Amino acid sequence: MQNKRKSKEINVFRADLDMLTFSSTKEASTCLGIPRTSLNRYTNLQNFPLYSPNLGYKVFIVDPNKPIKDTKPLLFKADERHICGIDMDSLKKGVLYAFLQDKKTIFGEFKSTHDAALKLDNKKSRHYISRYVNKERLVKVGKDRTKVYFVKKRLK
């Protein structure tokens, strides 16, 4: 089976206009020491250089096939906005709740994201839950793949 991913050229400029060229985003990410999500987020933004720990200076990331933009980087996706429609004041501090789609019915209460991952899916990894706590994003859990929102009142 052949890899059908198209390679894309990535150019990296320094303020003094030195240029490096990479054959893919993955290669640029590895060589620069910058995560791919950050590379993609800052590509072609003319006013926002990224610091490369491997090079030791700030660089501009350019995809020659796309136009240069004079905008700010998007720091989160539109579908990951903060959750609304749940009364946070009614929740116990420090407890992780799983709410059903109606945002009224509590599917479960957990000590932590790790606890939820173990009890709901028998998984040790909690990242698929922790990245969506207090976000307007449904997560499928359990054998029946029930969709829930994860919500936690902060300890402040």
Protein backbone atom coordinates (compact mmCIF):
# COMPACT_ATOMS: atom_id res chain seq x y z
CA MET A 1 0.00 0.00 0.00
CA GLN A 2 1.50 3.31 -1.05
CA ASN A 3 1.51 6.43 1.09
CA LYS A 4 -0.87 8.84 -0.66
CA ARG A 5 0.14 11.86 1.40
CA LYS A 6 1.40 14.67 -0.71
CA SER A 7 4.70 16.13 0.42
CA LYS A 8 4.72 19.87 0.74
CA GLU A 9 7.66 22.17 0.69
CA ILE A 10 8.25 24.34 3.76
CA ASN A 11 10.59 27.31 3.68
CA VAL A 12 12.03 28.80 6.85
CA PHE A 13 13.37 32.36 6.92
CA ARG A 14 15.41 34.16 9.51
CA ALA A 15 15.06 37.91 10.02
CA ASP A 16 18.28 38.44 8.02
CA LEU A 17 16.69 36.41 5.17
CA ASP A 18 18.73 33.21 5.44
CA MET A 19 16.53 30.42 4.15
CA LEU A 20 16.21 26.73 4.87
CA THR A 21 13.98 24.48 2.79
CA PHE A 22 12.37 21.28 4.02
CA SER A 23 10.48 18.71 1.97
CA SER A 24 7.68 18.27 4.53
CA THR A 25 6.12 19.71 7.66
CA LYS A 26 7.31 16.68 9.62
CA GLU A 27 10.91 17.21 8.55
CA ALA A 28 10.72 20.94 9.37
CA SER A 29 9.21 20.17 12.76
CA THR A 30 11.96 17.68 13.63
CA CYS A 31 14.84 19.85 12.42
CA LEU A 32 13.55 23.05 14.02
CA GLY A 33 12.38 21.47 17.27
CA ILE A 34 8.92 23.02 16.87
CA PRO A 35 5.72 20.90 17.20
CA ARG A 36 3.82 20.35 13.94
CA THR A 37 0.67 21.98 15.31
CA SER A 38 2.65 25.16 16.05
CA LEU A 39 4.29 25.04 12.62
CA ASN A 40 0.90 24.76 10.94
CA ARG A 41 -0.59 27.48 13.13
CA TYR A 42 2.18 30.00 12.33
CA THR A 43 2.74 29.17 8.65
CA ASN A 44 2.63 32.26 6.40
CA LEU A 45 1.96 34.74 9.23
CA GLN A 46 4.17 37.69 8.40
CA ASN A 47 4.20 39.31 11.86
CA PHE A 48 4.60 36.20 14.04
CA PRO A 49 7.97 34.42 14.03
CA LEU A 50 8.50 31.22 16.03
CA TYR A 51 11.52 30.48 18.19
CA SER A 52 13.40 27.39 17.05
CA PRO A 53 15.22 25.80 19.98
CA ASN A 54 17.36 23.72 17.60
CA LEU A 55 18.54 26.77 15.63
CA GLY A 56 18.61 29.18 18.55
CA TYR A 57 16.71 32.03 16.87
CA LYS A 58 13.28 33.11 15.66
CA VAL A 59 12.13 32.02 12.21
CA PHE A 60 9.25 32.69 9.85
CA ILE A 61 7.56 29.60 8.40
CA VAL A 62 6.45 29.88 4.76
CA ASP A 63 4.47 27.50 2.56
CA PRO A 64 5.17 28.85 -0.97
CA ASN A 65 1.84 27.45 -2.23
CA LYS A 66 -0.25 29.62 0.12
CA PRO A 67 -0.63 33.41 0.45
CA ILE A 68 1.11 35.36 3.22
CA LYS A 69 -1.38 36.53 5.88
CA ASP A 70 -1.37 39.59 8.12
CA THR A 71 -3.45 37.97 10.87
CA LYS A 72 -2.94 36.52 14.34
CA PRO A 73 -2.54 32.78 14.87
CA LEU A 74 -5.63 30.82 15.91
CA LEU A 75 -4.98 29.54 19.41
CA PHE A 76 -7.91 27.10 19.51
CA LYS A 77 -10.42 25.73 17.06
CA ALA A 78 -13.95 27.08 16.90
CA ASP A 79 -15.37 23.72 17.97
CA GLU A 80 -13.24 23.81 21.13
CA ARG A 81 -14.75 26.92 22.73
CA HIS A 82 -15.53 26.92 26.43
CA ILE A 83 -18.61 25.00 27.44
CA CYS A 84 -21.83 26.85 28.14
CA GLY A 85 -25.24 25.76 29.39
CA ILE A 86 -23.99 24.04 32.55
CA ASP A 87 -24.33 25.71 35.95
CA MET A 88 -20.72 25.57 37.20
CA ASP A 89 -21.74 26.98 40.61
CA SER A 90 -23.81 23.86 41.32
CA LEU A 91 -20.83 21.53 40.84
CA LYS A 92 -18.49 20.29 43.57
CA LYS A 93 -14.96 21.69 43.33
CA GLY A 94 -12.31 19.30 42.02
CA VAL A 95 -14.77 16.67 40.76
CA LEU A 96 -14.81 15.74 37.06
CA TYR A 97 -18.33 15.33 35.69
CA ALA A 98 -19.45 13.63 32.49
CA PHE A 99 -22.69 15.19 31.22
CA LEU A 100 -24.89 13.71 28.50
CA GLN A 101 -25.70 15.75 25.39
CA ASP A 102 -28.65 17.47 27.09
CA LYS A 103 -26.12 19.08 29.53
CA LYS A 104 -28.50 18.32 32.41
CA THR A 105 -28.08 14.58 32.99
CA ILE A 106 -24.90 13.54 34.82
CA PHE A 107 -23.46 10.39 33.23
CA GLY A 108 -20.76 10.00 35.89
CA GLU A 109 -18.57 11.64 38.55
CA PHE A 110 -14.82 11.01 38.72
CA LYS A 111 -11.81 11.99 40.86
CA SER A 112 -9.68 12.83 37.81
CA THR A 113 -9.35 12.41 34.05
CA HIS A 114 -7.23 9.32 34.71
CA ASP A 115 -10.00 7.87 36.89
CA ALA A 116 -12.58 8.58 34.16
CA ALA A 117 -10.45 6.93 31.46
CA LEU A 118 -9.99 3.81 33.60
CA LYS A 119 -13.63 3.48 34.64
CA LEU A 120 -15.24 4.36 31.30
CA ASP A 121 -12.86 2.78 28.78
CA ASN A 122 -10.35 0.76 30.84
CA LYS A 123 -7.56 2.96 29.44
CA LYS A 124 -4.48 4.27 31.19
CA SER A 125 -4.16 7.25 28.84
CA ARG A 126 -6.29 10.21 29.92
CA HIS A 127 -5.34 12.64 27.16
CA TYR A 128 -8.41 11.97 25.03
CA ILE A 129 -10.43 13.28 27.99
CA SER A 130 -8.18 15.96 29.49
CA ARG A 131 -7.90 17.96 26.27
CA TYR A 132 -11.70 18.44 26.21
CA VAL A 133 -12.47 19.29 29.86
CA ASN A 134 -14.71 22.38 29.94
CA LYS A 135 -14.80 22.52 26.13
CA GLU A 136 -17.86 22.52 23.92
CA ARG A 137 -16.84 19.14 22.53
CA LEU A 138 -18.50 15.74 22.88
CA VAL A 139 -16.29 12.73 23.65
CA LYS A 140 -17.36 9.13 22.92
CA VAL A 141 -16.85 6.86 25.93
CA GLY A 142 -17.65 3.32 27.02
CA LYS A 143 -18.49 0.21 25.03
CA ASP A 144 -21.68 1.79 23.71
CA ARG A 145 -19.74 4.96 22.64
CA THR A 146 -21.96 7.34 24.63
CA LYS A 147 -21.28 10.99 23.82
CA VAL A 148 -20.52 13.15 26.88
CA TYR A 149 -19.13 16.55 27.85
CA PHE A 150 -16.43 16.56 30.54
CA VAL A 151 -16.72 19.41 33.03
CA LYS A 152 -14.76 20.31 36.14
CA LYS A 153 -15.19 23.24 38.48
CA ARG A 154 -11.82 24.83 39.13
CA LEU A 155 -10.38 24.82 42.66
CA LYS A 156 -9.91 28.63 42.77
